[in-house]
C-alpha atoms as a PDB file:
ATOM      1  CA  MET A   1     172.462 171.517 209.669  1.00  0.00           C
ATOM      2  CA  SER A   2     170.071 173.453 211.904  1.00  0.00           C
ATOM      3  CA  GLN A   3     167.063 171.750 213.394  1.00  0.00           C
ATOM      4  CA  TYR A   4     163.702 173.316 212.534  1.00  0.00           C
ATOM      5  CA  PHE A   5     160.331 173.035 214.252  1.00  0.00           C
ATOM      6  CA  LYS A   6     156.997 173.595 212.532  1.00  0.00           C
ATOM      7  CA  ILE A   7     154.959 176.115 214.510  1.00  0.00           C
ATOM      8  CA  GLY A   8     151.990 176.673 212.199  1.00  0.00           C
ATOM      9  CA  LYS A   9     151.115 178.048 208.791  1.00  0.00           C
ATOM     10  CA  PHE A  10     150.361 181.241 206.928  1.00  0.00           C
ATOM     11  CA  ALA A  11     146.557 181.111 206.799  1.00  0.00           C
ATOM     12  CA  ALA A  12     145.802 184.289 204.866  1.00  0.00           C
ATOM     13  CA  SER A  13     147.017 187.631 203.665  1.00  0.00           C
ATOM     14  CA  HIS A  14     145.836 190.748 205.508  1.00  0.00           C
ATOM     15  CA  GLY A  15     145.450 194.148 203.915  1.00  0.00           C
ATOM     16  CA  LEU A  16     147.183 195.369 200.782  1.00  0.00           C
ATOM     17  CA  ASP A  17     150.814 195.626 201.974  1.00  0.00           C
ATOM     18  CA  GLY A  18     151.639 191.888 202.013  1.00  0.00           C
ATOM     19  CA  THR A  19     151.038 191.277 205.717  1.00  0.00           C
ATOM     20  CA  LEU A  20     150.298 187.627 206.485  1.00  0.00           C
ATOM     21  CA  VAL A  21     148.293 185.914 209.221  1.00  0.00           C
ATOM     22  CA  LEU A  22     150.360 183.228 210.949  1.00  0.00           C
ATOM     23  CA  VAL A  23     148.232 180.636 212.762  1.00  0.00           C
ATOM     24  CA  HIS A  24     150.528 179.037 215.349  1.00  0.00           C
ATOM     25  CA  SER A  25     150.376 176.339 218.021  1.00  0.00           C
ATOM     26  CA  LEU A  26     152.949 177.821 220.400  1.00  0.00           C
ATOM     27  CA  GLY A  27     150.510 177.566 223.305  1.00  0.00           C
ATOM     28  CA  LYS A  28     150.543 181.213 224.327  1.00  0.00           C
ATOM     29  CA  LYS A  29     149.747 184.652 222.968  1.00  0.00           C
ATOM     30  CA  SER A  30     152.891 186.099 221.461  1.00  0.00           C
ATOM     31  CA  THR A  31     153.967 188.969 219.247  1.00  0.00           C
ATOM     32  CA  LEU A  32     157.055 186.912 218.316  1.00  0.00           C
ATOM     33  CA  LYS A  33     158.995 190.059 219.166  1.00  0.00           C
ATOM     34  CA  GLU A  34     162.734 189.494 218.690  1.00  0.00           C
ATOM     35  CA  LEU A  35     162.108 186.655 216.214  1.00  0.00           C
ATOM     36  CA  GLU A  36     164.121 187.691 213.166  1.00  0.00           C
ATOM     37  CA  THR A  37     163.525 184.837 210.719  1.00  0.00           C
ATOM     38  CA  VAL A  38     160.921 182.246 209.812  1.00  0.00           C
ATOM     39  CA  PHE A  39     161.513 179.421 207.350  1.00  0.00           C
ATOM     40  CA  LEU A  40     159.368 177.840 204.657  1.00  0.00           C
ATOM     41  CA  GLN A  41     160.199 174.332 203.519  1.00  0.00           C
ATOM     42  CA  GLU A  42     161.215 174.210 199.863  1.00  0.00           C
ATOM     43  CA  ASN A  43     161.679 170.420 199.774  1.00  0.00           C
ATOM     44  CA  LYS A  44     162.453 167.624 202.267  1.00  0.00           C
ATOM     45  CA  ASP A  45     165.658 169.025 203.776  1.00  0.00           C
ATOM     46  CA  SER A  46     165.732 172.532 202.341  1.00  0.00           C
ATOM     47  CA  PHE A  47     164.361 175.582 204.151  1.00  0.00           C
ATOM     48  CA  MET A  48     164.123 179.111 202.741  1.00  0.00           C
ATOM     49  CA  PRO A  49     164.572 181.961 205.251  1.00  0.00           C
ATOM     50  CA  TYR A  50     162.202 184.916 205.311  1.00  0.00           C
ATOM     51  CA  PHE A  51     163.189 187.931 207.385  1.00  0.00           C
ATOM     52  CA  ILE A  52     160.599 189.599 209.589  1.00  0.00           C
ATOM     53  CA  GLU A  53     159.938 193.343 209.373  1.00  0.00           C
ATOM     54  CA  THR A  54     157.129 193.612 211.935  1.00  0.00           C
ATOM     55  CA  THR A  55     154.713 191.481 213.939  1.00  0.00           C
ATOM     56  CA  SER A  56     151.610 192.154 216.023  1.00  0.00           C
ATOM     57  CA  VAL A  57     149.163 189.962 217.926  1.00  0.00           C
ATOM     58  CA  LYS A  58     145.787 189.194 216.394  1.00  0.00           C
ATOM     59  CA  ASN A  59     144.660 186.747 219.131  1.00  0.00           C
ATOM     60  CA  ASP A  60     145.961 183.803 221.212  1.00  0.00           C
ATOM     61  CA  THR A  61     146.820 181.675 218.178  1.00  0.00           C
ATOM     62  CA  GLU A  62     147.320 184.204 215.380  1.00  0.00           C
ATOM     63  CA  VAL A  63     149.937 186.849 214.637  1.00  0.00           C
ATOM     64  CA  TYR A  64     150.099 189.441 211.881  1.00  0.00           C
ATOM     65  CA  ILE A  65     153.533 189.161 210.314  1.00  0.00           C
ATOM     66  CA  LYS A  66     155.176 191.369 207.681  1.00  0.00           C
ATOM     67  CA  LEU A  67     158.115 189.829 205.818  1.00  0.00           C
ATOM     68  CA  GLU A  68     160.878 191.625 203.901  1.00  0.00           C
ATOM     69  CA  GLY A  69     160.258 191.567 200.152  1.00  0.00           C
ATOM     70  CA  ILE A  70     156.582 190.629 200.488  1.00  0.00           C
ATOM     71  CA  ASP A  71     154.995 193.973 199.734  1.00  0.00           C
ATOM     72  CA  ASN A  72     151.592 193.302 198.213  1.00  0.00           C
ATOM     73  CA  LYS A  73     148.702 190.921 198.747  1.00  0.00           C
ATOM     74  CA  GLU A  74     149.320 188.988 195.496  1.00  0.00           C
ATOM     75  CA  ILE A  75     152.827 187.958 196.582  1.00  0.00           C
ATOM     76  CA  ALA A  76     151.577 187.246 200.123  1.00  0.00           C
ATOM     77  CA  ARG A  77     148.827 184.937 198.826  1.00  0.00           C
ATOM     78  CA  LYS A  78     151.486 182.755 197.167  1.00  0.00           C
ATOM     79  CA  LEU A  79     152.767 181.959 200.674  1.00  0.00           C
ATOM     80  CA  THR A  80     149.401 180.663 201.903  1.00  0.00           C
ATOM     81  CA  PRO A  81     148.791 178.028 203.216  1.00  0.00           C
ATOM     82  CA  LYS A  82     152.497 177.212 203.616  1.00  0.00           C
ATOM     83  CA  GLU A  83     153.840 175.721 206.837  1.00  0.00           C
ATOM     84  CA  VAL A  84     156.059 177.987 208.947  1.00  0.00           C
ATOM     85  CA  TRP A  85     159.170 176.689 210.713  1.00  0.00           C
ATOM     86  CA  ILE A  86     161.605 178.234 213.186  1.00  0.00           C
ATOM     87  CA  THR A  87     165.011 177.153 214.474  1.00  0.00           C
ATOM     88  CA  ALA A  88     165.373 175.060 217.625  1.00  0.00           C
ATOM     89  CA  PRO A  89     166.732 177.956 219.764  1.00  0.00           C
ATOM     90  CA  ASP A  90     163.827 180.201 218.696  1.00  0.00           C
ATOM     91  CA  PHE A  91     161.382 177.372 219.388  1.00  0.00           C
ATOM     92  CA  GLU A  92     162.752 177.014 222.932  1.00  0.00           C
ATOM     93  CA  LYS A  93     162.278 180.745 223.414  1.00  0.00           C
ATOM     94  CA  PHE A  94     158.723 181.125 222.056  1.00  0.00           C
ATOM     95  CA  ALA A  95     156.875 177.829 222.736  1.00  0.00           C
ATOM     96  CA  ALA A  96     154.971 177.527 226.016  1.00  0.00           C
ATOM     97  CA  LYS A  97     156.360 174.685 228.134  1.00  0.00           C
ATOM     98  CA  SER A  98     152.818 173.407 228.722  1.00  0.00           C
ATOM     99  CA  ALA A  99     151.817 173.425 225.041  1.00  0.00           C
ATOM    100  CA  PRO A 100     151.629 170.059 223.255  1.00  0.00           C
ATOM    101  CA  ILE A 101     154.009 171.402 220.593  1.00  0.00           C
ATOM    102  CA  SER A 102     156.688 171.634 223.283  1.00  0.00           C
ATOM    103  CA  MET A 103     157.045 167.819 223.011  1.00  0.00           C
ATOM    104  CA  LEU A 104     158.859 168.243 219.682  1.00  0.00           C
ATOM    105  CA  GLY A 105     162.328 166.773 219.988  1.00  0.00           C
ATOM    106  CA  TYR A 106     161.404 164.653 223.017  1.00  0.00           C
ATOM    107  CA  ASP A 107     161.983 160.878 222.997  1.00  0.00           C
ATOM    108  CA  LEU A 108     158.795 158.794 223.085  1.00  0.00           C
ATOM    109  CA  ILE A 109     159.184 155.891 225.523  1.00  0.00           C
ATOM    110  CA  ASP A 110     156.952 152.799 225.761  1.00  0.00           C
ATOM    111  CA  GLY A 111     157.912 150.743 228.824  1.00  0.00           C
ATOM    112  CA  ASN A 112     161.703 150.409 228.489  1.00  0.00           C
ATOM    113  CA  ASN A 113     161.724 150.964 224.710  1.00  0.00           C
ATOM    114  CA  ASN A 114     162.758 154.281 223.203  1.00  0.00           C
ATOM    115  CA  LEU A 115     160.501 154.421 220.136  1.00  0.00           C
ATOM    116  CA  GLY A 116     162.144 157.511 218.657  1.00  0.00           C
ATOM    117  CA  GLU A 117     162.173 161.281 218.641  1.00  0.00           C
ATOM    118  CA  ILE A 118     158.885 163.149 218.273  1.00  0.00           C
ATOM    119  CA  ILE A 119     159.163 164.982 214.943  1.00  0.00           C
ATOM    120  CA  GLU A 120     155.623 166.369 214.693  1.00  0.00           C
ATOM    121  CA  VAL A 121     152.735 166.998 217.078  1.00  0.00           C
ATOM    122  CA  LEU A 122     149.185 167.003 215.720  1.00  0.00           C
ATOM    123  CA  GLU A 123     146.559 168.390 218.083  1.00  0.00           C
ATOM    124  CA  GLN A 124     143.060 166.939 217.877  1.00  0.00           C
ATOM    125  CA  SER A 125     140.070 167.625 220.106  1.00  0.00           C
ATOM    126  CA  HIS A 126     140.301 164.372 222.096  1.00  0.00           C
ATOM    127  CA  GLN A 127     143.982 163.477 221.827  1.00  0.00           C
ATOM    128  CA  ILE A 128     147.391 164.430 220.536  1.00  0.00           C
ATOM    129  CA  LEU A 129     149.137 162.430 217.813  1.00  0.00           C
ATOM    130  CA  CYS A 130     152.921 162.324 217.935  1.00  0.00           C
ATOM    131  CA  THR A 131     154.792 161.461 214.750  1.00  0.00           C
ATOM    132  CA  ILE A 132     158.011 159.477 215.137  1.00  0.00           C
ATOM    133  CA  ASN A 133     160.290 157.602 212.761  1.00  0.00           C
ATOM    134  CA  TYR A 134     159.804 153.937 213.670  1.00  0.00           C
ATOM    135  CA  ASN A 135     161.672 151.242 211.739  1.00  0.00           C
ATOM    136  CA  GLY A 136     162.092 153.623 208.802  1.00  0.00           C
ATOM    137  CA  ASN A 137     158.402 154.578 208.683  1.00  0.00           C
ATOM    138  CA  GLU A 138     156.518 157.574 210.034  1.00  0.00           C
ATOM    139  CA  ALA A 139     154.353 156.303 212.874  1.00  0.00           C
ATOM    140  CA  LEU A 140     151.501 158.172 214.545  1.00  0.00           C
ATOM    141  CA  ILE A 141     151.294 157.455 218.266  1.00  0.00           C
ATOM    142  CA  PRO A 142     148.299 158.793 220.240  1.00  0.00           C
ATOM    143  CA  VAL A 143     148.924 160.567 223.519  1.00  0.00           C
ATOM    144  CA  HIS A 144     145.959 161.201 225.815  1.00  0.00           C
ATOM    145  CA  GLU A 145     145.065 160.988 229.478  1.00  0.00           C
ATOM    146  CA  ASN A 146     144.525 157.195 229.352  1.00  0.00           C
ATOM    147  CA  ASN A 147     147.955 156.272 227.943  1.00  0.00           C
ATOM    148  CA  LEU A 148     150.247 159.098 229.097  1.00  0.00           C
ATOM    149  CA  ILE A 149     152.328 157.803 231.993  1.00  0.00           C
ATOM    150  CA  LYS A 150     154.542 160.836 232.591  1.00  0.00           C
ATOM    151  CA  MET A 151     156.445 163.668 230.958  1.00  0.00           C
ATOM    152  CA  ASP A 152     160.050 164.213 231.947  1.00  0.00           C
ATOM    153  CA  GLN A 153     160.743 167.760 230.753  1.00  0.00           C
ATOM    154  CA  LYS A 154     164.229 167.821 232.243  1.00  0.00           C
ATOM    155  CA  ASN A 155     165.383 164.807 230.180  1.00  0.00           C
ATOM    156  CA  LYS A 156     163.013 165.476 227.252  1.00  0.00           C
ATOM    157  CA  LYS A 157     161.141 162.171 227.467  1.00  0.00           C
ATOM    158  CA  VAL A 158     157.449 161.322 227.139  1.00  0.00           C
ATOM    159  CA  TYR A 159     156.432 158.001 228.678  1.00  0.00           C
ATOM    160  CA  VAL A 160     153.338 156.363 227.184  1.00  0.00           C
ATOM    161  CA  GLU A 161     151.633 153.015 227.015  1.00  0.00           C
ATOM    162  CA  VAL A 162     151.247 152.346 223.286  1.00  0.00           C
ATOM    163  CA  PRO A 163     148.020 150.520 222.408  1.00  0.00           C
ATOM    164  CA  GLU A 164     148.632 146.824 221.829  1.00  0.00           C
ATOM    165  CA  GLY A 165     149.266 145.976 218.177  1.00  0.00           C
ATOM    166  CA  LEU A 166     149.722 149.600 217.031  1.00  0.00           C
ATOM    167  CA  LEU A 167     153.484 149.376 216.422  1.00  0.00           C
ATOM    168  CA  GLU A 168     153.086 146.204 214.343  1.00  0.00           C
ATOM    169  CA  ILE A 169     151.242 148.291 211.736  1.00  0.00           C
ATOM    170  CA  TYR A 170     154.437 150.254 211.149  1.00  0.00           C
ATOM    171  CA  GLY A 171     156.725 147.213 210.795  1.00  0.00           C
END
């Protein structure tokens, strides 16, 4: 099974022809040129492919995107505000290395303990929350300047000092 990364969501339709506005967190302005497919999650482990006809930049975090078969604003509106996913190889190609979202797939390390793989990155104004599977539960671990020890991009590891008592909440 392919691995998918959530890059944003369809925020709105644009115009009458079914064009959508994709709000993304890729960390850089991009037309997503050469991206052929985006995926929408149907249920937990099922993703539906949508093929891209055209794209154009709106601004640093938004792209106009026209999908095959979506040819009017009524159909396009049914896809908002759905989350948009891309495959791991496409993610590697389009995500800025310095963007917080680039931590997806990295291992989160506290001291000598590998807490798990980062499966979601939530950006907030004062910190980043990384979601991991910890003891069978989704755990939110904050990452900010006070607890980030180092990032090892070569080995895909993020070293943090988890606040005392936080992991006990998650079992």
